[in-house]
Structure formats: C-alpha cells, structure tokens
Amino acid sequence: MPVTREEVIWAYRCILGREPESEDAIKGALFHPDLPSLRRAMMDSVEFLTALVSVGPVLSAAPQGRPWYRR
C-alpha cells in the first residue's frame, strides 16, 4: 500500500526533524510503495547524511557493513 500524506509528513518530522518545505515535497514522496521505502529514501538523503556528520563519534563506533539505520 503506498504511503499516505500523513505518513510523509510524520516521516519529515521524525527522520529529518522538520516540516516538509512544500506541498510539492509531500506529493513527490507519495510515490513510495511503503514506509520502509520512504524511510530508506529519507535516510539516504544528503540532508540526513549531512546531519549525521555532527554525530561523528557515534558513527565511528558503528559496525562495518550495512549502515546502522538499515539493519
């Protein structure tokens, strides 16, 4: 089942820590077939990965292989 508008908004809030920048951004994310797909896309985004730089010591302690957030 494709993600809903509310799920997209909550993903922005919970994963990126902000509100969606526009209605177009919400509509653009509605193509994801399910929540795991939406989550992966947001967590693979430049915005999310850039934010992780500020928690570098946490990342350096993460096991090698798949990123910690995809386990």
PDB file of N, CA and C in Angstrom:
ATOM      1  N   MET A   1       0.845  -1.174   0.000  1.00  0.00           N
ATOM      2  CA  MET A   1       0.000   0.000   0.000  1.00  0.00           C
ATOM      3  C   MET A   1       0.895   1.244   0.000  1.00  0.00           C
ATOM      4  N   PRO A   2       0.687   2.162  -0.948  1.00  0.00           N
ATOM      5  CA  PRO A   2       1.509   3.375  -0.991  1.00  0.00           C
ATOM      6  C   PRO A   2       1.370   4.199   0.293  1.00  0.00           C
ATOM      7  N   VAL A   3       2.383   4.986   0.562  1.00  0.00           N
ATOM      8  CA  VAL A   3       2.352   5.814   1.765  1.00  0.00           C
ATOM      9  C   VAL A   3       1.293   6.902   1.631  1.00  0.00           C
ATOM     10  N   THR A   4       0.823   7.372   2.769  1.00  0.00           N
ATOM     11  CA  THR A   4      -0.194   8.422   2.790  1.00  0.00           C
ATOM     12  C   THR A   4       0.462   9.785   3.027  1.00  0.00           C
ATOM     13  N   ARG A   5      -0.310  10.814   2.818  1.00  0.00           N
ATOM     14  CA  ARG A   5       0.160  12.183   3.057  1.00  0.00           C
ATOM     15  C   ARG A   5       0.603  12.349   4.507  1.00  0.00           C
ATOM     16  N   GLU A   6      -0.195  11.856   5.439  1.00  0.00           N
ATOM     17  CA  GLU A   6       0.141  11.960   6.865  1.00  0.00           C
ATOM     18  C   GLU A   6       1.437  11.218   7.189  1.00  0.00           C
ATOM     19  N   GLU A   7       1.648  10.052   6.591  1.00  0.00           N
ATOM     20  CA  GLU A   7       2.884   9.303   6.826  1.00  0.00           C
ATOM     21  C   GLU A   7       4.097  10.074   6.315  1.00  0.00           C
ATOM     22  N   VAL A   8       3.945  10.722   5.177  1.00  0.00           N
ATOM     23  CA  VAL A   8       5.047  11.529   4.630  1.00  0.00           C
ATOM     24  C   VAL A   8       5.366  12.682   5.586  1.00  0.00           C
ATOM     25  N   ILE A   9       4.343  13.366   6.052  1.00  0.00           N
ATOM     26  CA  ILE A   9       4.560  14.493   6.970  1.00  0.00           C
ATOM     27  C   ILE A   9       5.256  14.013   8.235  1.00  0.00           C
ATOM     28  N   TRP A  10       4.807  12.906   8.797  1.00  0.00           N
ATOM     29  CA  TRP A  10       5.438  12.391  10.021  1.00  0.00           C
ATOM     30  C   TRP A  10       6.857  11.896   9.769  1.00  0.00           C
ATOM     31  N   ALA A  11       7.122  11.371   8.582  1.00  0.00           N
ATOM     32  CA  ALA A  11       8.490  10.958   8.259  1.00  0.00           C
ATOM     33  C   ALA A  11       9.413  12.173   8.238  1.00  0.00           C
ATOM     34  N   TYR A  12       8.951  13.270   7.648  1.00  0.00           N
ATOM     35  CA  TYR A  12       9.743  14.506   7.678  1.00  0.00           C
ATOM     36  C   TYR A  12      10.027  14.915   9.120  1.00  0.00           C
ATOM     37  N   ARG A  13       9.004  14.900   9.940  1.00  0.00           N
ATOM     38  CA  ARG A  13       9.168  15.329  11.327  1.00  0.00           C
ATOM     39  C   ARG A  13      10.110  14.419  12.098  1.00  0.00           C
ATOM     40  N   CYS A  14       9.922  13.112  11.964  1.00  0.00           N
ATOM     41  CA  CYS A  14      10.693  12.154  12.775  1.00  0.00           C
ATOM     42  C   CYS A  14      12.095  11.896  12.243  1.00  0.00           C
ATOM     43  N   ILE A  15      12.248  11.848  10.931  1.00  0.00           N
ATOM     44  CA  ILE A  15      13.553  11.498  10.357  1.00  0.00           C
ATOM     45  C   ILE A  15      14.399  12.740  10.087  1.00  0.00           C
ATOM     46  N   LEU A  16      13.798  13.758   9.501  1.00  0.00           N
ATOM     47  CA  LEU A  16      14.556  14.963   9.162  1.00  0.00           C
ATOM     48  C   LEU A  16      14.424  16.050  10.217  1.00  0.00           C
ATOM     49  N   GLY A  17      13.486  15.879  11.147  1.00  0.00           N
ATOM     50  CA  GLY A  17      13.345  16.834  12.235  1.00  0.00           C
ATOM     51  C   GLY A  17      12.768  18.173  11.829  1.00  0.00           C
ATOM     52  N   ARG A  18      11.950  18.161  10.793  1.00  0.00           N
ATOM     53  CA  ARG A  18      11.367  19.423  10.333  1.00  0.00           C
ATOM     54  C   ARG A  18      10.076  19.131   9.578  1.00  0.00           C
ATOM     55  N   GLU A  19       9.364  20.205   9.297  1.00  0.00           N
ATOM     56  CA  GLU A  19       8.154  20.102   8.484  1.00  0.00           C
ATOM     57  C   GLU A  19       8.552  20.030   7.006  1.00  0.00           C
ATOM     58  N   PRO A  20       7.736  19.404   6.176  1.00  0.00           N
ATOM     59  CA  PRO A  20       8.014  19.421   4.737  1.00  0.00           C
ATOM     60  C   PRO A  20       8.049  20.860   4.228  1.00  0.00           C
ATOM     61  N   GLU A  21       8.932  21.131   3.280  1.00  0.00           N
ATOM     62  CA  GLU A  21       9.103  22.504   2.805  1.00  0.00           C
ATOM     63  C   GLU A  21       7.953  22.991   1.929  1.00  0.00           C
ATOM     64  N   SER A  22       7.204  22.069   1.344  1.00  0.00           N
ATOM     65  CA  SER A  22       6.113  22.488   0.476  1.00  0.00           C
ATOM     66  C   SER A  22       5.159  21.325   0.227  1.00  0.00           C
ATOM     67  N   GLU A  23       4.027  21.678  -0.324  1.00  0.00           N
ATOM     68  CA  GLU A  23       3.064  20.648  -0.727  1.00  0.00           C
ATOM     69  C   GLU A  23       3.656  19.792  -1.848  1.00  0.00           C
ATOM     70  N   ASP A  24       4.463  20.400  -2.698  1.00  0.00           N
ATOM     71  CA  ASP A  24       5.115  19.640  -3.774  1.00  0.00           C
ATOM     72  C   ASP A  24       6.053  18.584  -3.209  1.00  0.00           C
ATOM     73  N   ALA A  25       6.753  18.891  -2.122  1.00  0.00           N
ATOM     74  CA  ALA A  25       7.646  17.915  -1.496  1.00  0.00           C
ATOM     75  C   ALA A  25       6.843  16.725  -0.967  1.00  0.00           C
ATOM     76  N   ILE A  26       5.697  17.008  -0.392  1.00  0.00           N
ATOM     77  CA  ILE A  26       4.833  15.928   0.109  1.00  0.00           C
ATOM     78  C   ILE A  26       4.358  15.075  -1.062  1.00  0.00           C
ATOM     79  N   LYS A  27       3.849  15.730  -2.090  1.00  0.00           N
ATOM     80  CA  LYS A  27       3.354  14.995  -3.259  1.00  0.00           C
ATOM     81  C   LYS A  27       4.457  14.173  -3.906  1.00  0.00           C
ATOM     82  N   GLY A  28       5.674  14.711  -3.906  1.00  0.00           N
ATOM     83  CA  GLY A  28       6.794  13.993  -4.507  1.00  0.00           C
ATOM     84  C   GLY A  28       7.172  12.724  -3.768  1.00  0.00           C
ATOM     85  N   ALA A  29       6.844  12.647  -2.494  1.00  0.00           N
ATOM     86  CA  ALA A  29       7.177  11.461  -1.699  1.00  0.00           C
ATOM     87  C   ALA A  29       6.069  10.420  -1.702  1.00  0.00           C
ATOM     88  N   LEU A  30       4.918  10.758  -2.229  1.00  0.00           N
ATOM     89  CA  LEU A  30       3.781   9.833  -2.206  1.00  0.00           C
ATOM     90  C   LEU A  30       3.933   8.644  -3.146  1.00  0.00           C
ATOM     91  N   PHE A  31       4.964   8.649  -3.994  1.00  0.00           N
ATOM     92  CA  PHE A  31       5.157   7.532  -4.925  1.00  0.00           C
ATOM     93  C   PHE A  31       5.744   6.298  -4.246  1.00  0.00           C
ATOM     94  N   HIS A  32       6.253   6.443  -3.027  1.00  0.00           N
ATOM     95  CA  HIS A  32       6.871   5.294  -2.347  1.00  0.00           C
ATOM     96  C   HIS A  32       5.832   4.216  -2.088  1.00  0.00           C
ATOM     97  N   PRO A  33       6.181   2.967  -2.374  1.00  0.00           N
ATOM     98  CA  PRO A  33       5.207   1.881  -2.246  1.00  0.00           C
ATOM     99  C   PRO A  33       4.882   1.503  -0.800  1.00  0.00           C
ATOM    100  N   ASP A  34       5.790   1.861   0.120  1.00  0.00           N
ATOM    101  CA  ASP A  34       5.561   1.502   1.525  1.00  0.00           C
ATOM    102  C   ASP A  34       6.459   2.349   2.421  1.00  0.00           C
ATOM    103  N   LEU A  35       6.240   2.226   3.730  1.00  0.00           N
ATOM    104  CA  LEU A  35       7.021   3.026   4.685  1.00  0.00           C
ATOM    105  C   LEU A  35       8.513   2.707   4.666  1.00  0.00           C
ATOM    106  N   PRO A  36       8.925   1.438   4.568  1.00  0.00           N
ATOM    107  CA  PRO A  36      10.368   1.185   4.508  1.00  0.00           C
ATOM    108  C   PRO A  36      11.050   1.887   3.330  1.00  0.00           C
ATOM    109  N   SER A  37      10.374   1.958   2.196  1.00  0.00           N
ATOM    110  CA  SER A  37      10.939   2.647   1.038  1.00  0.00           C
ATOM    111  C   SER A  37      11.086   4.144   1.306  1.00  0.00           C
ATOM    112  N   LEU A  38      10.077   4.741   1.905  1.00  0.00           N
ATOM    113  CA  LEU A  38      10.136   6.166   2.255  1.00  0.00           C
ATOM    114  C   LEU A  38      11.249   6.418   3.268  1.00  0.00           C
ATOM    115  N   ARG A  39      11.330   5.562   4.274  1.00  0.00           N
ATOM    116  CA  ARG A  39      12.369   5.712   5.301  1.00  0.00           C
ATOM    117  C   ARG A  39      13.765   5.618   4.683  1.00  0.00           C
ATOM    118  N   ARG A  40      13.995   4.631   3.831  1.00  0.00           N
ATOM    119  CA  ARG A  40      15.310   4.477   3.193  1.00  0.00           C
ATOM    120  C   ARG A  40      15.660   5.709   2.376  1.00  0.00           C
ATOM    121  N   ALA A  41      14.696   6.217   1.624  1.00  0.00           N
ATOM    122  CA  ALA A  41      14.956   7.393   0.782  1.00  0.00           C
ATOM    123  C   ALA A  41      15.331   8.599   1.635  1.00  0.00           C
ATOM    124  N   MET A  42      14.619   8.804   2.718  1.00  0.00           N
ATOM    125  CA  MET A  42      14.932   9.953   3.569  1.00  0.00           C
ATOM    126  C   MET A  42      16.263   9.774   4.275  1.00  0.00           C
ATOM    127  N   MET A  43      16.556   8.561   4.696  1.00  0.00           N
ATOM    128  CA  MET A  43      17.801   8.326   5.426  1.00  0.00           C
ATOM    129  C   MET A  43      19.009   8.256   4.488  1.00  0.00           C
ATOM    130  N   ASP A  44      18.762   8.102   3.216  1.00  0.00           N
ATOM    131  CA  ASP A  44      19.844   8.156   2.227  1.00  0.00           C
ATOM    132  C   ASP A  44      20.003   9.557   1.636  1.00  0.00           C
ATOM    133  N   SER A  45      19.165  10.497   2.061  1.00  0.00           N
ATOM    134  CA  SER A  45      19.210  11.847   1.505  1.00  0.00           C
ATOM    135  C   SER A  45      20.454  12.599   1.981  1.00  0.00           C
ATOM    136  N   VAL A  46      20.884  13.549   1.176  1.00  0.00           N
ATOM    137  CA  VAL A  46      22.024  14.394   1.530  1.00  0.00           C
ATOM    138  C   VAL A  46      21.741  15.129   2.837  1.00  0.00           C
ATOM    139  N   GLU A  47      20.519  15.597   3.006  1.00  0.00           N
ATOM    140  CA  GLU A  47      20.155  16.327   4.225  1.00  0.00           C
ATOM    141  C   GLU A  47      20.360  15.474   5.472  1.00  0.00           C
ATOM    142  N   PHE A  48      19.882  14.235   5.446  1.00  0.00           N
ATOM    143  CA  PHE A  48      20.014  13.360   6.608  1.00  0.00           C
ATOM    144  C   PHE A  48      21.476  12.989   6.843  1.00  0.00           C
ATOM    145  N   LEU A  49      22.177  12.612   5.781  1.00  0.00           N
ATOM    146  CA  LEU A  49      23.575  12.188   5.929  1.00  0.00           C
ATOM    147  C   LEU A  49      24.464  13.341   6.374  1.00  0.00           C
ATOM    148  N   THR A  50      24.170  14.554   5.933  1.00  0.00           N
ATOM    149  CA  THR A  50      24.922  15.720   6.386  1.00  0.00           C
ATOM    150  C   THR A  50      24.713  15.938   7.875  1.00  0.00           C
ATOM    151  N   ALA A  51      23.482  15.756   8.337  1.00  0.00           N
ATOM    152  CA  ALA A  51      23.190  15.916   9.761  1.00  0.00           C
ATOM    153  C   ALA A  51      23.953  14.888  10.590  1.00  0.00           C
ATOM    154  N   LEU A  52      24.218  13.724  10.032  1.00  0.00           N
ATOM    155  CA  LEU A  52      24.942  12.685  10.764  1.00  0.00           C
ATOM    156  C   LEU A  52      26.398  13.056  11.023  1.00  0.00           C
ATOM    157  N   VAL A  53      26.943  13.933  10.208  1.00  0.00           N
ATOM    158  CA  VAL A  53      28.336  14.359  10.389  1.00  0.00           C
ATOM    159  C   VAL A  53      28.534  14.943  11.780  1.00  0.00           C
ATOM    160  N   SER A  54      27.512  15.610  12.299  1.00  0.00           N
ATOM    161  CA  SER A  54      27.632  16.224  13.622  1.00  0.00           C
ATOM    162  C   SER A  54      27.671  15.191  14.746  1.00  0.00           C
ATOM    163  N   VAL A  55      27.335  13.950  14.442  1.00  0.00           N
ATOM    164  CA  VAL A  55      27.409  12.886  15.457  1.00  0.00           C
ATOM    165  C   VAL A  55      28.481  11.874  15.053  1.00  0.00           C
ATOM    166  N   GLY A  56      29.555  12.368  14.491  1.00  0.00           N
ATOM    167  CA  GLY A  56      30.646  11.534  14.004  1.00  0.00           C
ATOM    168  C   GLY A  56      31.123  10.457  14.949  1.00  0.00           C
ATOM    169  N   PRO A  57      31.345  10.759  16.241  1.00  0.00           N
ATOM    170  CA  PRO A  57      31.824   9.708  17.141  1.00  0.00           C
ATOM    171  C   PRO A  57      30.870   8.528  17.241  1.00  0.00           C
ATOM    172  N   VAL A  58      29.595   8.779  17.144  1.00  0.00           N
ATOM    173  CA  VAL A  58      28.624   7.683  17.183  1.00  0.00           C
ATOM    174  C   VAL A  58      28.787   6.818  15.951  1.00  0.00           C
ATOM    175  N   LEU A  59      28.977   7.462  14.809  1.00  0.00           N
ATOM    176  CA  LEU A  59      29.119   6.712  13.568  1.00  0.00           C
ATOM    177  C   LEU A  59      30.406   5.905  13.540  1.00  0.00           C
ATOM    178  N   SER A  60      31.470   6.424  14.094  1.00  0.00           N
ATOM    179  CA  SER A  60      32.730   5.694  14.051  1.00  0.00           C
ATOM    180  C   SER A  60      32.668   4.439  14.908  1.00  0.00           C
ATOM    181  N   ALA A  61      31.746   4.392  15.852  1.00  0.00           N
ATOM    182  CA  ALA A  61      31.597   3.214  16.696  1.00  0.00           C
ATOM    183  C   ALA A  61      30.669   2.179  16.074  1.00  0.00           C
ATOM    184  N   ALA A  62      30.014   2.546  14.979  1.00  0.00           N
ATOM    185  CA  ALA A  62      29.070   1.628  14.339  1.00  0.00           C
ATOM    186  C   ALA A  62      29.831   0.497  13.653  1.00  0.00           C
ATOM    187  N   PRO A  63      29.264  -0.701  13.655  1.00  0.00           N
ATOM    188  CA  PRO A  63      29.903  -1.831  12.975  1.00  0.00           C
ATOM    189  C   PRO A  63      30.012  -1.565  11.474  1.00  0.00           C
ATOM    190  N   GLN A  64      30.966  -2.182  10.840  1.00  0.00           N
ATOM    191  CA  GLN A  64      31.160  -2.028   9.404  1.00  0.00           C
ATOM    192  C   GLN A  64      30.086  -2.817   8.660  1.00  0.00           C
ATOM    193  N   GLY A  65      29.916  -2.524   7.396  1.00  0.00           N
ATOM    194  CA  GLY A  65      28.908  -3.214   6.599  1.00  0.00           C
ATOM    195  C   GLY A  65      27.748  -2.293   6.305  1.00  0.00           C
ATOM    196  N   ARG A  66      26.552  -2.814   6.440  1.00  0.00           N
ATOM    197  CA  ARG A  66      25.362  -2.005   6.168  1.00  0.00           C
ATOM    198  C   ARG A  66      25.283  -0.855   7.151  1.00  0.00           C
ATOM    199  N   PRO A  67      24.783   0.304   6.695  1.00  0.00           N
ATOM    200  CA  PRO A  67      24.628   1.436   7.615  1.00  0.00           C
ATOM    201  C   PRO A  67      23.762   1.047   8.803  1.00  0.00           C
ATOM    202  N   TRP A  68      24.025   1.620   9.954  1.00  0.00           N
ATOM    203  CA  TRP A  68      23.319   1.265  11.177  1.00  0.00           C
ATOM    204  C   TRP A  68      21.812   1.452  11.063  1.00  0.00           C
ATOM    205  N   TYR A  69      21.378   2.423  10.261  1.00  0.00           N
ATOM    206  CA  TYR A  69      19.957   2.702  10.190  1.00  0.00           C
ATOM    207  C   TYR A  69      19.205   1.769   9.231  1.00  0.00           C
ATOM    208  N   ARG A  70      19.901   0.860   8.573  1.00  0.00           N
ATOM    209  CA  ARG A  70      19.248  -0.069   7.647  1.00  0.00           C
ATOM    210  C   ARG A  70      19.268  -1.498   8.170  1.00  0.00           C
ATOM    211  N   ARG A  71      19.578  -1.668   9.421  1.00  0.00           N
ATOM    212  CA  ARG A  71      19.633  -3.020   9.995  1.00  0.00           C
ATOM    213  C   ARG A  71      18.293  -3.475  10.443  1.00  0.00           C
TER     214      ARG A  71
END
